Amino acid sequence: METEPTIIPLDVEGNIYALVDARGSMIGTGTQQVCEVLFYIVKRASSDVIRPRPPVLVRRASNIRSAVAL
């Protein structure tokens, strides 16, 4: 099961934050608000990718000849 990215502070004052994924790779840095927006984008994008598209059926007409031999 994949865990969510986390927002961690990079400095003691809490001015700069980083968004880190489950593997420990840094996705982005910035203020806390910027990291929250990045978190939303990453979470939204990962949920949209799961839906596969249905296959498209193509009908072939037997009465049409091609100018190029395949």
PDB file of N, CA and C in Angstrom:
ATOM      1  N   MET A   1       0.844  -1.185   0.000  1.00  0.00           N
ATOM      2  CA  MET A   1       0.000   0.000   0.000  1.00  0.00           C
ATOM      3  C   MET A   1       0.882   1.238   0.000  1.00  0.00           C
ATOM      4  N   GLU A   2       0.580   2.167  -0.857  1.00  0.00           N
ATOM      5  CA  GLU A   2       1.379   3.379  -0.994  1.00  0.00           C
ATOM      6  C   GLU A   2       0.915   4.429   0.013  1.00  0.00           C
ATOM      7  N   THR A   3       1.876   5.089   0.648  1.00  0.00           N
ATOM      8  CA  THR A   3       1.522   6.131   1.607  1.00  0.00           C
ATOM      9  C   THR A   3       1.473   7.479   0.910  1.00  0.00           C
ATOM     10  N   GLU A   4       0.839   8.432   1.544  1.00  0.00           N
ATOM     11  CA  GLU A   4       0.700   9.769   0.977  1.00  0.00           C
ATOM     12  C   GLU A   4       2.004  10.548   1.128  1.00  0.00           C
ATOM     13  N   PRO A   5       2.223  11.538   0.279  1.00  0.00           N
ATOM     14  CA  PRO A   5       3.366  12.426   0.472  1.00  0.00           C
ATOM     15  C   PRO A   5       3.215  13.200   1.780  1.00  0.00           C
ATOM     16  N   THR A   6       4.330  13.615   2.347  1.00  0.00           N
ATOM     17  CA  THR A   6       4.296  14.367   3.600  1.00  0.00           C
ATOM     18  C   THR A   6       4.970  15.718   3.423  1.00  0.00           C
ATOM     19  N   ILE A   7       4.527  16.674   4.210  1.00  0.00           N
ATOM     20  CA  ILE A   7       5.107  18.016   4.209  1.00  0.00           C
ATOM     21  C   ILE A   7       5.984  18.127   5.446  1.00  0.00           C
ATOM     22  N   ILE A   8       7.270  18.419   5.233  1.00  0.00           N
ATOM     23  CA  ILE A   8       8.199  18.537   6.352  1.00  0.00           C
ATOM     24  C   ILE A   8       8.870  19.904   6.330  1.00  0.00           C
ATOM     25  N   PRO A   9       9.146  20.492   7.503  1.00  0.00           N
ATOM     26  CA  PRO A   9       9.847  21.784   7.543  1.00  0.00           C
ATOM     27  C   PRO A   9      11.333  21.584   7.249  1.00  0.00           C
ATOM     28  N   LEU A  10      11.922  22.532   6.528  1.00  0.00           N
ATOM     29  CA  LEU A  10      13.348  22.469   6.210  1.00  0.00           C
ATOM     30  C   LEU A  10      14.193  23.400   7.074  1.00  0.00           C
ATOM     31  N   ASP A  11      13.567  24.341   7.752  1.00  0.00           N
ATOM     32  CA  ASP A  11      14.319  25.231   8.633  1.00  0.00           C
ATOM     33  C   ASP A  11      13.647  25.322   9.996  1.00  0.00           C
ATOM     34  N   VAL A  12      14.384  25.836  10.955  1.00  0.00           N
ATOM     35  CA  VAL A  12      13.900  25.909  12.330  1.00  0.00           C
ATOM     36  C   VAL A  12      12.728  26.879  12.467  1.00  0.00           C
ATOM     37  N   GLU A  13      12.752  27.983  11.741  1.00  0.00           N
ATOM     38  CA  GLU A  13      11.693  28.989  11.831  1.00  0.00           C
ATOM     39  C   GLU A  13      10.394  28.539  11.183  1.00  0.00           C
ATOM     40  N   GLY A  14      10.450  27.542  10.321  1.00  0.00           N
ATOM     41  CA  GLY A  14       9.249  27.069   9.642  1.00  0.00           C
ATOM     42  C   GLY A  14       8.857  27.933   8.462  1.00  0.00           C
ATOM     43  N   ASN A  15       9.840  28.541   7.801  1.00  0.00           N
ATOM     44  CA  ASN A  15       9.562  29.372   6.629  1.00  0.00           C
ATOM     45  C   ASN A  15       9.578  28.572   5.335  1.00  0.00           C
ATOM     46  N   ILE A  16      10.399  27.527   5.279  1.00  0.00           N
ATOM     47  CA  ILE A  16      10.546  26.727   4.069  1.00  0.00           C
ATOM     48  C   ILE A  16      10.164  25.286   4.379  1.00  0.00           C
ATOM     49  N   TYR A  17       9.328  24.723   3.515  1.00  0.00           N
ATOM     50  CA  TYR A  17       8.858  23.350   3.681  1.00  0.00           C
ATOM     51  C   TYR A  17       9.176  22.559   2.425  1.00  0.00           C
ATOM     52  N   ALA A  18       9.130  21.229   2.548  1.00  0.00           N
ATOM     53  CA  ALA A  18       9.346  20.344   1.408  1.00  0.00           C
ATOM     54  C   ALA A  18       8.227  19.304   1.372  1.00  0.00           C
ATOM     55  N   LEU A  19       7.838  18.940   0.180  1.00  0.00           N
ATOM     56  CA  LEU A  19       6.877  17.862  -0.016  1.00  0.00           C
ATOM     57  C   LEU A  19       7.673  16.636  -0.441  1.00  0.00           C
ATOM     58  N   VAL A  20       7.587  15.560   0.351  1.00  0.00           N
ATOM     59  CA  VAL A  20       8.384  14.359   0.131  1.00  0.00           C
ATOM     60  C   VAL A  20       7.438  13.187  -0.125  1.00  0.00           C
ATOM     61  N   ASP A  21       7.740  12.374  -1.159  1.00  0.00           N
ATOM     62  CA  ASP A  21       6.880  11.230  -1.455  1.00  0.00           C
ATOM     63  C   ASP A  21       7.239  10.035  -0.581  1.00  0.00           C
ATOM     64  N   ALA A  22       6.570   8.909  -0.808  1.00  0.00           N
ATOM     65  CA  ALA A  22       6.737   7.717   0.029  1.00  0.00           C
ATOM     66  C   ALA A  22       8.135   7.121  -0.083  1.00  0.00           C
ATOM     67  N   ARG A  23       8.820   7.328  -1.214  1.00  0.00           N
ATOM     68  CA  ARG A  23      10.172   6.795  -1.398  1.00  0.00           C
ATOM     69  C   ARG A  23      11.246   7.719  -0.846  1.00  0.00           C
ATOM     70  N   GLY A  24      10.863   8.887  -0.366  1.00  0.00           N
ATOM     71  CA  GLY A  24      11.825   9.838   0.177  1.00  0.00           C
ATOM     72  C   GLY A  24      12.324  10.856  -0.836  1.00  0.00           C
ATOM     73  N   SER A  25      11.777  10.844  -2.039  1.00  0.00           N
ATOM     74  CA  SER A  25      12.167  11.809  -3.062  1.00  0.00           C
ATOM     75  C   SER A  25      11.440  13.122  -2.830  1.00  0.00           C
ATOM     76  N   MET A  26      12.158  14.218  -2.997  1.00  0.00           N
ATOM     77  CA  MET A  26      11.572  15.537  -2.800  1.00  0.00           C
ATOM     78  C   MET A  26      10.785  15.939  -4.046  1.00  0.00           C
ATOM     79  N   ILE A  27       9.513  16.233  -3.870  1.00  0.00           N
ATOM     80  CA  ILE A  27       8.652  16.641  -4.982  1.00  0.00           C
ATOM     81  C   ILE A  27       8.771  18.135  -5.223  1.00  0.00           C
ATOM     82  N   GLY A  28       8.797  18.921  -4.150  1.00  0.00           N
ATOM     83  CA  GLY A  28       8.905  20.361  -4.302  1.00  0.00           C
ATOM     84  C   GLY A  28       9.153  21.035  -2.968  1.00  0.00           C
ATOM     85  N   THR A  29       9.552  22.299  -3.027  1.00  0.00           N
ATOM     86  CA  THR A  29       9.806  23.091  -1.826  1.00  0.00           C
ATOM     87  C   THR A  29       9.117  24.433  -1.951  1.00  0.00           C
ATOM     88  N   GLY A  30       8.919  25.078  -0.807  1.00  0.00           N
ATOM     89  CA  GLY A  30       8.305  26.398  -0.783  1.00  0.00           C
ATOM     90  C   GLY A  30       7.685  26.661   0.568  1.00  0.00           C
ATOM     91  N   THR A  31       6.774  27.611   0.598  1.00  0.00           N
ATOM     92  CA  THR A  31       6.060  27.886   1.837  1.00  0.00           C
ATOM     93  C   THR A  31       5.105  26.735   2.130  1.00  0.00           C
ATOM     94  N   GLN A  32       4.506  26.751   3.292  1.00  0.00           N
ATOM     95  CA  GLN A  32       3.575  25.688   3.646  1.00  0.00           C
ATOM     96  C   GLN A  32       2.380  25.678   2.701  1.00  0.00           C
ATOM     97  N   GLN A  33       1.917  26.852   2.299  1.00  0.00           N
ATOM     98  CA  GLN A  33       0.783  26.928   1.382  1.00  0.00           C
ATOM     99  C   GLN A  33       1.136  26.336   0.019  1.00  0.00           C
ATOM    100  N   VAL A  34       2.346  26.610  -0.457  1.00  0.00           N
ATOM    101  CA  VAL A  34       2.781  26.060  -1.746  1.00  0.00           C
ATOM    102  C   VAL A  34       2.836  24.539  -1.684  1.00  0.00           C
ATOM    103  N   CYS A  35       3.368  24.002  -0.604  1.00  0.00           N
ATOM    104  CA  CYS A  35       3.455  22.550  -0.446  1.00  0.00           C
ATOM    105  C   CYS A  35       2.071  21.919  -0.326  1.00  0.00           C
ATOM    106  N   GLU A  36       1.128  22.616   0.307  1.00  0.00           N
ATOM    107  CA  GLU A  36      -0.236  22.090   0.389  1.00  0.00           C
ATOM    108  C   GLU A  36      -0.889  22.029  -0.984  1.00  0.00           C
ATOM    109  N   VAL A  37      -0.637  23.031  -1.825  1.00  0.00           N
ATOM    110  CA  VAL A  37      -1.181  23.022  -3.185  1.00  0.00           C
ATOM    111  C   VAL A  37      -0.534  21.903  -3.997  1.00  0.00           C
ATOM    112  N   LEU A  38       0.782  21.717  -3.875  1.00  0.00           N
ATOM    113  CA  LEU A  38       1.461  20.627  -4.569  1.00  0.00           C
ATOM    114  C   LEU A  38       0.921  19.272  -4.113  1.00  0.00           C
ATOM    115  N   PHE A  39       0.679  19.146  -2.814  1.00  0.00           N
ATOM    116  CA  PHE A  39       0.120  17.918  -2.267  1.00  0.00           C
ATOM    117  C   PHE A  39      -1.241  17.621  -2.892  1.00  0.00           C
ATOM    118  N   TYR A  40      -2.073  18.637  -3.005  1.00  0.00           N
ATOM    119  CA  TYR A  40      -3.394  18.482  -3.619  1.00  0.00           C
ATOM    120  C   TYR A  40      -3.270  18.051  -5.085  1.00  0.00           C
ATOM    121  N   ILE A  41      -2.351  18.674  -5.816  1.00  0.00           N
ATOM    122  CA  ILE A  41      -2.168  18.349  -7.234  1.00  0.00           C
ATOM    123  C   ILE A  41      -1.689  16.912  -7.395  1.00  0.00           C
ATOM    124  N   VAL A  42      -0.720  16.496  -6.589  1.00  0.00           N
ATOM    125  CA  VAL A  42      -0.179  15.138  -6.683  1.00  0.00           C
ATOM    126  C   VAL A  42      -1.246  14.116  -6.328  1.00  0.00           C
ATOM    127  N   LYS A  43      -1.988  14.378  -5.280  1.00  0.00           N
ATOM    128  CA  LYS A  43      -3.029  13.444  -4.854  1.00  0.00           C
ATOM    129  C   LYS A  43      -4.135  13.348  -5.903  1.00  0.00           C
ATOM    130  N   ARG A  44      -4.507  14.462  -6.484  1.00  0.00           N
ATOM    131  CA  ARG A  44      -5.562  14.491  -7.501  1.00  0.00           C
ATOM    132  C   ARG A  44      -5.104  13.788  -8.780  1.00  0.00           C
ATOM    133  N   ALA A  45      -3.859  14.019  -9.183  1.00  0.00           N
ATOM    134  CA  ALA A  45      -3.338  13.406 -10.403  1.00  0.00           C
ATOM    135  C   ALA A  45      -3.230  11.896 -10.259  1.00  0.00           C
ATOM    136  N   SER A  46      -2.842  11.414  -9.085  1.00  0.00           N
ATOM    137  CA  SER A  46      -2.701   9.969  -8.906  1.00  0.00           C
ATOM    138  C   SER A  46      -4.053   9.264  -8.906  1.00  0.00           C
ATOM    139  N   SER A  47      -5.115   9.933  -8.491  1.00  0.00           N
ATOM    140  CA  SER A  47      -6.435   9.296  -8.501  1.00  0.00           C
ATOM    141  C   SER A  47      -7.057   9.316  -9.894  1.00  0.00           C
ATOM    142  N   ASP A  48      -6.671  10.259 -10.755  1.00  0.00           N
ATOM    143  CA  ASP A  48      -7.218  10.334 -12.107  1.00  0.00           C
ATOM    144  C   ASP A  48      -6.592   9.303 -13.046  1.00  0.00           C
ATOM    145  N   VAL A  49      -5.388   8.866 -12.769  1.00  0.00           N
ATOM    146  CA  VAL A  49      -4.675   7.963 -13.667  1.00  0.00           C
ATOM    147  C   VAL A  49      -5.240   6.540 -13.607  1.00  0.00           C
ATOM    148  N   ILE A  50      -5.906   6.179 -12.560  1.00  0.00           N
ATOM    149  CA  ILE A  50      -6.341   4.809 -12.341  1.00  0.00           C
ATOM    150  C   ILE A  50      -7.419   4.370 -13.331  1.00  0.00           C
ATOM    151  N   ARG A  51      -8.226   5.261 -13.825  1.00  0.00           N
ATOM    152  CA  ARG A  51      -9.333   4.901 -14.705  1.00  0.00           C
ATOM    153  C   ARG A  51      -8.850   4.571 -16.121  1.00  0.00           C
ATOM    154  N   PRO A  52      -8.931   3.295 -16.540  1.00  0.00           N
ATOM    155  CA  PRO A  52      -8.530   2.956 -17.911  1.00  0.00           C
ATOM    156  C   PRO A  52      -9.633   3.302 -18.901  1.00  0.00           C
ATOM    157  N   ARG A  53      -9.245   3.595 -20.108  1.00  0.00           N
ATOM    158  CA  ARG A  53     -10.217   3.901 -21.156  1.00  0.00           C
ATOM    159  C   ARG A  53     -10.706   2.599 -21.787  1.00  0.00           C
ATOM    160  N   PRO A  54     -11.973   2.550 -22.176  1.00  0.00           N
ATOM    161  CA  PRO A  54     -12.475   1.330 -22.836  1.00  0.00           C
ATOM    162  C   PRO A  54     -11.875   1.212 -24.239  1.00  0.00           C
ATOM    163  N   PRO A  55     -11.720  -0.015 -24.743  1.00  0.00           N
ATOM    164  CA  PRO A  55     -11.153  -0.184 -26.089  1.00  0.00           C
ATOM    165  C   PRO A  55     -12.106   0.343 -27.160  1.00  0.00           C
ATOM    166  N   VAL A  56     -11.524   0.843 -28.236  1.00  0.00           N
ATOM    167  CA  VAL A  56     -12.300   1.380 -29.351  1.00  0.00           C
ATOM    168  C   VAL A  56     -12.384   0.306 -30.434  1.00  0.00           C
ATOM    169  N   LEU A  57     -13.596  -0.014 -30.853  1.00  0.00           N
ATOM    170  CA  LEU A  57     -13.790  -1.006 -31.903  1.00  0.00           C
ATOM    171  C   LEU A  57     -13.827  -0.313 -33.259  1.00  0.00           C
ATOM    172  N   VAL A  58     -13.080  -0.860 -34.210  1.00  0.00           N
ATOM    173  CA  VAL A  58     -13.011  -0.295 -35.560  1.00  0.00           C
ATOM    174  C   VAL A  58     -13.609  -1.309 -36.527  1.00  0.00           C
ATOM    175  N   ARG A  59     -14.568  -0.860 -37.308  1.00  0.00           N
ATOM    176  CA  ARG A  59     -15.175  -1.743 -38.309  1.00  0.00           C
ATOM    177  C   ARG A  59     -14.414  -1.604 -39.616  1.00  0.00           C
ATOM    178  N   ARG A  60     -14.165  -2.737 -40.241  1.00  0.00           N
ATOM    179  CA  ARG A  60     -13.476  -2.734 -41.530  1.00  0.00           C
ATOM    180  C   ARG A  60     -14.478  -3.065 -42.624  1.00  0.00           C
ATOM    181  N   ALA A  61     -14.481  -2.249 -43.648  1.00  0.00           N
ATOM    182  CA  ALA A  61     -15.368  -2.489 -44.783  1.00  0.00           C
ATOM    183  C   ALA A  61     -14.646  -3.358 -45.805  1.00  0.00           C
ATOM    184  N   SER A  62     -15.280  -4.408 -46.250  1.00  0.00           N
ATOM    185  CA  SER A  62     -14.635  -5.333 -47.192  1.00  0.00           C
ATOM    186  C   SER A  62     -14.670  -4.818 -48.628  1.00  0.00           C
ATOM    187  N   ASN A  63     -15.467  -3.787 -48.905  1.00  0.00           N
ATOM    188  CA  ASN A  63     -15.592  -3.299 -50.274  1.00  0.00           C
ATOM    189  C   ASN A  63     -14.670  -2.115 -50.572  1.00  0.00           C
ATOM    190  N   ILE A  64     -13.722  -1.802 -49.697  1.00  0.00           N
ATOM    191  CA  ILE A  64     -12.806  -0.686 -49.915  1.00  0.00           C
ATOM    192  C   ILE A  64     -11.409  -1.232 -50.197  1.00  0.00           C
ATOM    193  N   ARG A  65     -10.775  -0.740 -51.258  1.00  0.00           N
ATOM    194  CA  ARG A  65      -9.431  -1.165 -51.613  1.00  0.00           C
ATOM    195  C   ARG A  65      -8.438  -0.091 -51.217  1.00  0.00           C
ATOM    196  N   SER A  66      -7.275  -0.490 -50.826  1.00  0.00           N
ATOM    197  CA  SER A  66      -6.232   0.434 -50.416  1.00  0.00           C
ATOM    198  C   SER A  66      -5.301   0.713 -51.580  1.00  0.00           C
ATOM    199  N   ALA A  67      -4.812   1.936 -51.661  1.00  0.00           N
ATOM    200  CA  ALA A  67      -3.850   2.291 -52.695  1.00  0.00           C
ATOM    201  C   ALA A  67      -2.463   1.782 -52.328  1.00  0.00           C
ATOM    202  N   VAL A  68      -2.241   1.495 -51.067  1.00  0.00           N
ATOM    203  CA  VAL A  68      -0.947   1.004 -50.590  1.00  0.00           C
ATOM    204  C   VAL A  68      -1.146  -0.427 -50.097  1.00  0.00           C
ATOM    205  N   ALA A  69      -0.325  -1.337 -50.576  1.00  0.00           N
ATOM    206  CA  ALA A  69      -0.420  -2.727 -50.132  1.00  0.00           C
ATOM    207  C   ALA A  69       0.200  -2.851 -48.749  1.00  0.00           C
ATOM    208  N   LEU A  70      -0.508  -3.497 -47.845  1.00  0.00           N
ATOM    209  CA  LEU A  70      -0.005  -3.666 -46.483  1.00  0.00           C
ATOM    210  C   LEU A  70       0.630  -5.005 -46.287  1.00  0.00           C
TER     211      LEU A  70
END
